[in-house]
Amino acid sequence: MGSLDWEVSALGLGCMRLPQRRLNRLRADTDASIQLIRHAIDLGVNYLDTAWLYHLGDSEKILGQALGDGYRERVRVATKLPMFLVRKTEDFDKYLDAQLERLQTDHVDVYLFHAMNGGQFEKVKRLGLVEKLDEAKSKGLIRHTGFSFHDTLPIFKGIVDYYDWDVAQIQYNYMDTGIQATTEGLTYAHSKGIAVVVMEPLKGGRLANPPAEALDIMRASGNGRTPVDWALQFLWNRPAVAVVLSGMGTQQMVDQNCASADRSGINSLGDEDMRVIAQLTEVYRKRELVPCTACEYCMPCPEGVDIPGCFAILNNASGEQRRWSRWQIIRRYRRLAGSREKLDRENPNGNAAMCVQCGKCLPKCPQQIDIPNELAKAHAILAHRGKIQDYYG
């Protein structure tokens, strides 16, 4: 775990995609989530990651309940200061105090600045927030410091060099080696003794549901790995990766991913394995139109648009040559609400036509997607049979 003297589990539990409530998928089901969290810990997972905004605040509260009955002493807990809500220096104390109460603990093992980018980095410096980190550490409220990141490599290096961080959390998977922090940033942070925690190992689930061409490549390899196992082993193969976070919504996912972790090892993949991964990467790159990971930071949309859902349907339609499959994909889009009368405010189900170009989603997107513009393209293609090449070349 970087310079920290921790024996950390290879697999960490990301509490952003806990079991959902039936009537509101943005909120988490308390009982099912507690059961899942404790099951993961019982299997050996000892790094748990949450944040202020996950599941509209449910995540931290549920995690606090799950860590009763002696479970707190078995794990390390990481949560994050909601940077986009911070307006003044005193907000640091306000949110940390509230998070400690939600988590029902007297300290957080790792406290991260959430979704750091160039603008948020300037805010950190302007408001003296690293000094607040030091103050909270001296009081014993937090044990270690870190940041999660969504921007470019130069900004990442600038943040790494600014402070004596313990942890850096980055988006990384076999498709995202050249964007955001990149492989160079991963190894750079590792060389500084910083523990690198990987999020989005499955790119919002896309790498778990590969197209037919990718499945054929996996089968031809002859080793029997599942799509998820391929993605996770790629990460655990790298010496610079300390922990891989997975947002697991069912106990079956927990069981499968823990079994995968048991088979993992640094430098365990051979040349042929890496050639397979290179082929898979090429297949995905040819199909992806919008780099959405379904993190849902943009949600809820004030107009009720299912933003991640619209982009998932568009990406699934991209490159699909089979007429029947493409028709089924477009049919999914047509089932989304196209009028205010059919909108479900508790469970946003609007199609892209409901977007009013308000732009409130733009500063929330870690991938820096021009969401209103991409929604307009999605509607033109999925509702009006526009040609993908006319909009994406």
Protein backbone atom coordinates (compact mmCIF):
# COMPACT_ATOMS: atom_id res chain seq x y z
CA MET A 1 0.00 0.00 0.00
CA GLY A 2 2.59 2.52 -1.15
CA SER A 3 4.58 3.78 1.82
CA LEU A 4 1.86 2.69 4.28
CA ASP A 5 2.61 -0.36 6.39
CA TRP A 6 -0.70 -2.03 5.55
CA GLU A 7 -1.47 -5.54 4.42
CA VAL A 8 -4.27 -4.50 2.12
CA SER A 9 -6.59 -6.77 0.15
CA ALA A 10 -6.01 -6.78 -3.62
CA LEU A 11 -9.75 -6.18 -4.04
CA GLY A 12 -11.46 -3.22 -2.40
CA LEU A 13 -15.19 -2.56 -2.14
CA GLY A 14 -16.36 0.61 -3.86
CA CYS A 15 -19.61 1.67 -2.21
CA MET A 16 -20.93 3.67 -5.16
CA ARG A 17 -22.91 0.80 -6.67
CA LEU A 18 -24.52 -0.92 -3.67
CA PRO A 19 -27.79 -2.86 -4.10
CA GLN A 20 -30.44 -0.39 -5.22
CA ARG A 21 -33.91 0.30 -3.93
CA ARG A 22 -36.63 -1.06 -6.18
CA LEU A 23 -38.49 2.21 -6.61
CA ASN A 24 -35.51 4.56 -6.78
CA ARG A 25 -32.30 3.21 -8.29
CA LEU A 26 -30.28 6.24 -7.15
CA ARG A 27 -30.79 5.21 -3.52
CA ALA A 28 -29.35 2.11 -1.81
CA ASP A 29 -31.27 -0.72 -0.17
CA THR A 30 -30.10 -0.66 3.45
CA ASP A 31 -30.56 -4.29 4.47
CA ALA A 32 -29.20 -5.78 1.25
CA SER A 33 -26.23 -3.40 1.29
CA ILE A 34 -25.28 -4.21 4.89
CA GLN A 35 -25.44 -7.91 4.09
CA LEU A 36 -23.24 -7.45 1.01
CA ILE A 37 -20.65 -5.30 2.81
CA ARG A 38 -20.28 -7.76 5.68
CA HIS A 39 -20.09 -10.68 3.26
CA ALA A 40 -17.21 -8.97 1.41
CA ILE A 41 -15.36 -8.35 4.69
CA ASP A 42 -15.88 -11.96 5.76
CA LEU A 43 -14.21 -13.03 2.50
CA GLY A 44 -11.17 -10.88 3.22
CA VAL A 45 -11.90 -7.48 1.65
CA ASN A 46 -10.43 -4.90 4.04
CA TYR A 47 -10.45 -1.61 2.06
CA LEU A 48 -13.82 0.14 1.73
CA ASP A 49 -14.32 3.32 -0.29
CA THR A 50 -17.28 5.67 -0.11
CA ALA A 51 -18.09 9.38 -0.56
CA TRP A 52 -20.53 12.08 0.50
CA LEU A 53 -22.61 11.94 -2.67
CA TYR A 54 -22.78 8.18 -3.33
CA HIS A 55 -26.38 6.97 -3.45
CA LEU A 56 -27.48 10.51 -2.54
CA GLY A 57 -25.87 10.17 0.90
CA ASP A 58 -27.07 6.63 1.65
CA SER A 59 -23.65 5.05 1.10
CA GLU A 60 -21.83 6.58 4.10
CA LYS A 61 -24.82 6.03 6.40
CA ILE A 62 -25.24 2.39 5.40
CA LEU A 63 -21.51 1.73 5.67
CA GLY A 64 -21.58 3.15 9.19
CA GLN A 65 -24.33 0.70 10.12
CA ALA A 66 -22.59 -2.23 8.40
CA LEU A 67 -19.38 -1.66 10.38
CA GLY A 68 -21.02 -2.28 13.73
CA ASP A 69 -20.65 -5.57 15.64
CA GLY A 70 -16.84 -5.47 15.39
CA TYR A 71 -16.56 -5.05 11.60
CA ARG A 72 -15.02 -1.56 11.89
CA GLU A 73 -11.87 -2.94 13.47
CA ARG A 74 -11.32 -5.31 10.52
CA VAL A 75 -11.17 -2.71 7.73
CA ARG A 76 -9.76 0.57 6.49
CA VAL A 77 -12.37 3.16 5.53
CA ALA A 78 -11.84 5.83 2.89
CA THR A 79 -14.24 8.67 2.19
CA LYS A 80 -13.99 11.99 0.38
CA LEU A 81 -14.50 15.71 0.85
CA PRO A 82 -17.16 16.76 -1.73
CA MET A 83 -15.03 19.37 -3.48
CA PHE A 84 -17.78 20.67 -5.75
CA LEU A 85 -19.78 21.68 -2.65
CA VAL A 86 -16.89 23.38 -0.84
CA ARG A 87 -17.14 27.17 -0.96
CA LYS A 88 -15.07 28.27 2.02
CA THR A 89 -12.33 26.86 4.24
CA GLU A 90 -14.74 26.13 7.08
CA ASP A 91 -16.68 23.72 4.86
CA PHE A 92 -13.88 21.20 5.41
CA ASP A 93 -14.83 20.84 9.07
CA LYS A 94 -18.56 20.86 8.34
CA TYR A 95 -18.41 17.93 5.94
CA LEU A 96 -15.81 15.90 7.83
CA ASP A 97 -17.79 16.16 11.07
CA ALA A 98 -20.96 15.10 9.28
CA GLN A 99 -19.17 12.19 7.60
CA LEU A 100 -17.74 10.89 10.87
CA GLU A 101 -21.27 10.94 12.27
CA ARG A 102 -22.68 9.16 9.21
CA LEU A 103 -19.96 6.53 9.37
CA GLN A 104 -20.39 6.13 13.14
CA THR A 105 -16.64 6.30 13.70
CA ASP A 106 -14.18 8.60 15.43
CA HIS A 107 -11.72 8.59 12.52
CA VAL A 108 -11.41 7.96 8.79
CA ASP A 109 -8.43 5.89 7.67
CA VAL A 110 -8.05 7.78 4.37
CA TYR A 111 -9.62 11.16 3.62
CA LEU A 112 -9.48 12.18 -0.02
CA PHE A 113 -10.26 15.35 -1.93
CA HIS A 114 -12.96 14.14 -4.32
CA ALA A 115 -12.68 14.32 -8.14
CA MET A 116 -9.70 16.62 -8.29
CA ASN A 117 -9.04 18.50 -11.51
CA GLY A 118 -7.30 21.73 -12.41
CA GLY A 119 -10.08 23.93 -11.06
CA GLN A 120 -10.48 22.03 -7.83
CA PHE A 121 -6.71 22.04 -7.34
CA GLU A 122 -6.74 25.84 -7.46
CA LYS A 123 -9.54 25.80 -4.89
CA VAL A 124 -7.45 23.59 -2.59
CA LYS A 125 -4.60 26.09 -2.74
CA ARG A 126 -6.81 29.17 -2.44
CA LEU A 127 -8.70 27.89 0.62
CA GLY A 128 -5.70 26.31 2.33
CA LEU A 129 -7.31 22.88 2.42
CA VAL A 130 -4.09 20.89 2.79
CA GLU A 131 -3.53 22.79 6.02
CA LYS A 132 -6.98 21.55 7.08
CA LEU A 133 -5.84 18.00 6.30
CA ASP A 134 -2.84 18.46 8.59
CA GLU A 135 -5.05 19.90 11.32
CA ALA A 136 -7.50 16.98 11.10
CA LYS A 137 -4.60 14.51 11.22
CA SER A 138 -3.20 16.17 14.35
CA LYS A 139 -6.61 15.75 16.00
CA GLY A 140 -6.76 12.08 15.03
CA LEU A 141 -9.88 12.59 12.88
CA ILE A 142 -8.14 11.26 9.78
CA ARG A 143 -5.16 8.95 9.60
CA HIS A 144 -3.98 9.36 6.00
CA THR A 145 -4.55 11.75 3.10
CA GLY A 146 -5.27 11.40 -0.56
CA PHE A 147 -7.18 12.58 -3.61
CA SER A 148 -9.24 11.03 -6.37
CA PHE A 149 -8.53 12.35 -9.83
CA HIS A 150 -10.21 13.17 -13.16
CA ASP A 151 -8.12 15.38 -15.45
CA THR A 152 -4.90 15.25 -17.49
CA LEU A 153 -1.41 13.91 -16.75
CA PRO A 154 0.32 17.31 -16.22
CA ILE A 155 -2.29 18.32 -13.65
CA PHE A 156 -1.99 14.92 -11.98
CA LYS A 157 1.77 15.32 -11.60
CA GLY A 158 1.31 18.82 -10.25
CA ILE A 159 -1.06 17.58 -7.56
CA VAL A 160 1.21 14.64 -6.70
CA ASP A 161 4.17 17.01 -6.20
CA TYR A 162 2.21 19.59 -4.19
CA TYR A 163 1.79 17.66 -0.94
CA ASP A 164 2.97 14.55 0.87
CA TRP A 165 0.01 12.36 -0.10
CA ASP A 166 -0.51 8.80 1.06
CA VAL A 167 -3.07 7.72 -1.55
CA ALA A 168 -4.02 8.65 -5.12
CA GLN A 169 -7.20 7.19 -6.59
CA ILE A 170 -7.33 7.11 -10.39
CA GLN A 171 -9.54 5.78 -13.16
CA TYR A 172 -7.60 3.03 -14.88
CA ASN A 173 -8.41 -0.08 -16.92
CA TYR A 174 -7.12 -1.68 -20.09
CA MET A 175 -9.02 0.84 -22.21
CA ASP A 176 -8.07 3.92 -20.18
CA THR A 177 -4.28 3.63 -20.09
CA GLY A 178 -3.74 6.78 -22.14
CA ILE A 179 -6.30 9.19 -20.66
CA GLN A 180 -6.59 11.05 -17.35
CA ALA A 181 -3.66 10.05 -15.10
CA THR A 182 -2.44 7.49 -17.72
CA THR A 183 0.04 4.68 -17.17
CA GLU A 184 2.80 7.25 -16.78
CA GLY A 185 0.92 8.91 -13.92
CA LEU A 186 0.31 5.54 -12.28
CA THR A 187 4.00 4.71 -12.21
CA TYR A 188 4.93 8.30 -11.27
CA ALA A 189 2.76 8.27 -8.15
CA HIS A 190 4.02 4.80 -7.26
CA SER A 191 7.62 5.99 -7.54
CA LYS A 192 6.83 8.68 -4.94
CA GLY A 193 5.66 6.06 -2.43
CA ILE A 194 2.00 6.93 -2.98
CA ALA A 195 -0.46 4.04 -2.86
CA VAL A 196 -2.41 4.02 -6.12
CA VAL A 197 -6.02 2.89 -5.76
CA VAL A 198 -7.74 2.06 -9.05
CA MET A 199 -11.40 2.88 -9.69
CA GLU A 200 -13.52 2.05 -12.75
CA PRO A 201 -11.64 -1.21 -13.44
CA LEU A 202 -14.54 -2.34 -15.66
CA LYS A 203 -15.20 1.09 -17.18
CA GLY A 204 -18.64 1.37 -15.64
CA GLY A 205 -19.46 -2.25 -16.47
CA ARG A 206 -18.66 -2.02 -20.19
CA LEU A 207 -15.72 -4.40 -19.95
CA ALA A 208 -17.96 -6.92 -18.19
CA ASN A 209 -20.37 -7.03 -21.14
CA PRO A 210 -18.18 -7.29 -24.23
CA PRO A 211 -19.41 -7.40 -27.82
CA ALA A 212 -19.43 -10.70 -29.70
CA GLU A 213 -16.11 -9.96 -31.40
CA ALA A 214 -14.38 -9.51 -28.03
CA LEU A 215 -15.95 -12.68 -26.64
CA ASP A 216 -14.60 -14.61 -29.62
CA ILE A 217 -11.09 -13.34 -28.83
CA MET A 218 -11.43 -14.39 -25.19
CA ARG A 219 -12.66 -17.86 -26.12
CA ALA A 220 -9.85 -18.30 -28.64
CA SER A 221 -7.29 -17.66 -25.88
CA GLY A 222 -8.27 -21.00 -24.37
CA ASN A 223 -7.72 -20.05 -20.72
CA GLY A 224 -11.38 -19.79 -19.73
CA ARG A 225 -11.19 -16.33 -18.13
CA THR A 226 -14.42 -14.36 -17.88
CA PRO A 227 -14.55 -10.78 -19.22
CA VAL A 228 -14.40 -9.45 -15.64
CA ASP A 229 -11.42 -11.65 -14.80
CA TRP A 230 -9.52 -10.40 -17.84
CA ALA A 231 -10.04 -6.78 -16.75
CA LEU A 232 -9.14 -7.34 -13.11
CA GLN A 233 -6.06 -9.49 -13.80
CA PHE A 234 -4.74 -6.78 -16.12
CA LEU A 235 -4.68 -4.43 -13.10
CA TRP A 236 -3.40 -6.84 -10.49
CA ASN A 237 -0.57 -7.73 -12.86
CA ARG A 238 0.91 -4.23 -12.38
CA PRO A 239 3.29 -3.62 -9.45
CA ALA A 240 2.16 0.00 -9.15
CA VAL A 241 -1.47 -0.89 -8.37
CA ALA A 242 -2.13 -1.18 -4.63
CA VAL A 243 -5.89 -1.83 -4.56
CA VAL A 244 -8.54 -2.34 -7.22
CA LEU A 245 -11.96 -0.99 -6.23
CA SER A 246 -15.02 -2.77 -7.57
CA GLY A 247 -18.56 -1.49 -7.17
CA MET A 248 -20.29 -4.79 -6.52
CA GLY A 249 -24.08 -4.79 -6.36
CA THR A 250 -24.70 -8.47 -5.62
CA GLN A 251 -23.14 -11.14 -3.44
CA GLN A 252 -22.50 -13.16 -6.59
CA MET A 253 -20.27 -10.36 -7.86
CA VAL A 254 -18.45 -10.32 -4.52
CA ASP A 255 -17.88 -14.07 -4.66
CA GLN A 256 -16.64 -14.01 -8.25
CA ASN A 257 -14.34 -11.03 -7.78
CA CYS A 258 -12.86 -12.42 -4.56
CA ALA A 259 -12.17 -15.70 -6.37
CA SER A 260 -10.49 -13.69 -9.13
CA ALA A 261 -8.37 -11.85 -6.55
CA ASP A 262 -7.27 -15.19 -5.09
CA ARG A 263 -5.85 -16.07 -8.52
CA SER A 264 -4.06 -12.75 -9.00
CA GLY A 265 -0.39 -11.90 -8.83
CA ILE A 266 2.06 -9.19 -9.87
CA ASN A 267 3.64 -9.93 -13.26
CA SER A 268 1.51 -13.07 -13.58
CA LEU A 269 0.32 -12.35 -17.14
CA GLY A 270 2.43 -13.57 -20.02
CA ASP A 271 3.09 -12.10 -23.46
CA GLU A 272 0.17 -14.00 -25.00
CA ASP A 273 -2.18 -12.64 -22.31
CA MET A 274 -1.08 -9.09 -23.08
CA ARG A 275 -1.63 -9.66 -26.80
CA VAL A 276 -5.19 -10.76 -26.06
CA ILE A 277 -5.79 -7.62 -24.00
CA ALA A 278 -4.40 -5.46 -26.82
CA GLN A 279 -6.87 -7.11 -29.22
CA LEU A 280 -9.76 -6.53 -26.81
CA THR A 281 -8.80 -2.88 -26.44
CA GLU A 282 -8.88 -2.40 -30.20
CA VAL A 283 -12.35 -3.98 -30.45
CA TYR A 284 -13.76 -1.65 -27.80
CA ARG A 285 -12.12 1.46 -29.21
CA LYS A 286 -13.77 0.90 -32.58
CA ARG A 287 -17.20 0.86 -30.93
CA GLU A 288 -17.10 3.57 -28.29
CA LEU A 289 -18.76 6.88 -29.11
CA VAL A 290 -19.18 8.48 -25.68
CA PRO A 291 -16.66 7.69 -22.88
CA CYS A 292 -19.36 7.45 -20.20
CA THR A 293 -18.62 5.11 -17.26
CA ALA A 294 -22.13 5.32 -15.75
CA CYS A 295 -20.71 6.82 -12.53
CA GLU A 296 -23.96 8.84 -12.25
CA TYR A 297 -22.21 11.94 -10.90
CA CYS A 298 -24.39 13.87 -13.38
CA MET A 299 -27.54 12.47 -11.81
CA PRO A 300 -30.24 13.25 -10.94
CA CYS A 301 -30.86 15.40 -14.00
CA PRO A 302 -33.24 18.26 -13.12
CA GLU A 303 -35.24 17.47 -16.28
CA GLY A 304 -35.41 13.75 -15.58
CA VAL A 305 -33.09 12.57 -18.37
CA ASP A 306 -31.50 9.16 -17.81
CA ILE A 307 -28.12 10.45 -18.98
CA PRO A 308 -26.01 7.29 -18.40
CA GLY A 309 -28.80 5.15 -19.84
CA CYS A 310 -28.95 7.17 -23.05
CA PHE A 311 -25.19 6.94 -23.55
CA ALA A 312 -25.13 3.21 -22.77
CA ILE A 313 -27.76 2.56 -25.43
CA LEU A 314 -25.87 4.71 -27.96
CA ASN A 315 -22.58 2.92 -27.28
CA ASN A 316 -24.28 -0.47 -27.53
CA ALA A 317 -25.80 0.50 -30.87
CA SER A 318 -22.42 1.61 -32.19
CA GLY A 319 -20.86 -1.02 -34.41
CA GLU A 320 -23.71 -3.50 -33.95
CA GLN A 321 -24.14 -5.04 -37.38
CA ARG A 322 -26.88 -7.55 -36.63
CA ARG A 323 -30.22 -6.04 -37.60
CA TRP A 324 -32.22 -7.84 -34.88
CA SER A 325 -29.81 -6.83 -32.11
CA ARG A 326 -29.68 -3.22 -33.29
CA TRP A 327 -33.48 -3.10 -33.37
CA GLN A 328 -33.64 -4.37 -29.79
CA ILE A 329 -31.13 -1.73 -28.67
CA ILE A 330 -33.10 1.10 -30.29
CA ARG A 331 -36.29 -0.31 -28.80
CA ARG A 332 -34.75 0.16 -25.34
CA TYR A 333 -34.29 3.84 -26.14
CA ARG A 334 -37.89 4.22 -27.33
CA ARG A 335 -39.08 2.90 -23.99
CA LEU A 336 -37.58 5.92 -22.24
CA ALA A 337 -39.96 8.78 -21.50
CA GLY A 338 -40.24 11.44 -24.17
CA SER A 339 -42.71 13.73 -22.38
CA ARG A 340 -43.09 15.27 -18.93
CA GLU A 341 -46.27 13.28 -18.36
CA LYS A 342 -44.34 9.99 -18.58
CA LEU A 343 -41.33 11.07 -16.50
CA ASP A 344 -40.58 9.31 -13.23
CA ARG A 345 -38.84 11.88 -11.02
CA GLU A 346 -37.88 9.30 -8.42
CA ASN A 347 -36.27 7.06 -11.03
CA PRO A 348 -35.19 9.32 -13.93
CA ASN A 349 -36.29 7.69 -17.17
CA GLY A 350 -36.31 10.51 -19.73
CA ASN A 351 -34.79 10.19 -23.18
CA ALA A 352 -32.30 12.68 -24.62
CA ALA A 353 -35.04 14.87 -26.06
CA MET A 354 -35.93 15.96 -22.52
CA CYS A 355 -32.59 17.75 -22.18
CA VAL A 356 -33.04 21.55 -22.11
CA GLN A 357 -29.30 22.31 -22.42
CA CYS A 358 -29.15 23.80 -18.93
CA GLY A 359 -25.56 22.61 -18.52
CA LYS A 360 -25.87 21.75 -14.82
CA CYS A 361 -24.40 18.32 -15.52
CA LEU A 362 -21.23 19.63 -17.18
CA PRO A 363 -19.08 20.48 -14.10
CA LYS A 364 -20.07 17.17 -12.46
CA CYS A 365 -18.80 14.85 -15.21
CA PRO A 366 -15.39 13.29 -14.40
CA GLN A 367 -14.91 12.39 -18.07
CA GLN A 368 -15.51 16.02 -19.13
CA ILE A 369 -18.13 14.94 -21.64
CA ASP A 370 -20.12 17.66 -23.37
CA ILE A 371 -23.29 15.99 -22.15
CA PRO A 372 -25.96 18.25 -23.75
CA ASN A 373 -24.26 18.03 -27.14
CA GLU A 374 -23.79 14.26 -26.91
CA LEU A 375 -27.42 13.80 -25.84
CA ALA A 376 -28.53 15.71 -28.93
CA LYS A 377 -26.47 13.36 -31.11
CA ALA A 378 -27.84 10.33 -29.29
CA HIS A 379 -31.43 11.39 -29.93
CA ALA A 380 -30.75 12.09 -33.59
CA ILE A 381 -29.27 8.62 -34.04
CA LEU A 382 -31.59 6.57 -31.83
CA ALA A 383 -34.90 8.35 -32.42
CA HIS A 384 -34.53 9.71 -35.94
CA ARG A 385 -32.33 6.99 -37.46
CA GLY A 386 -29.43 9.33 -38.05
CA LYS A 387 -26.23 7.77 -39.33
CA ILE A 388 -23.50 7.44 -36.73
CA GLN A 389 -20.82 8.43 -39.24
CA ASP A 390 -22.63 11.75 -39.83
CA TYR A 391 -22.14 12.67 -36.17
CA TYR A 392 -18.96 10.87 -35.21
CA GLY A 393 -17.07 10.57 -38.51
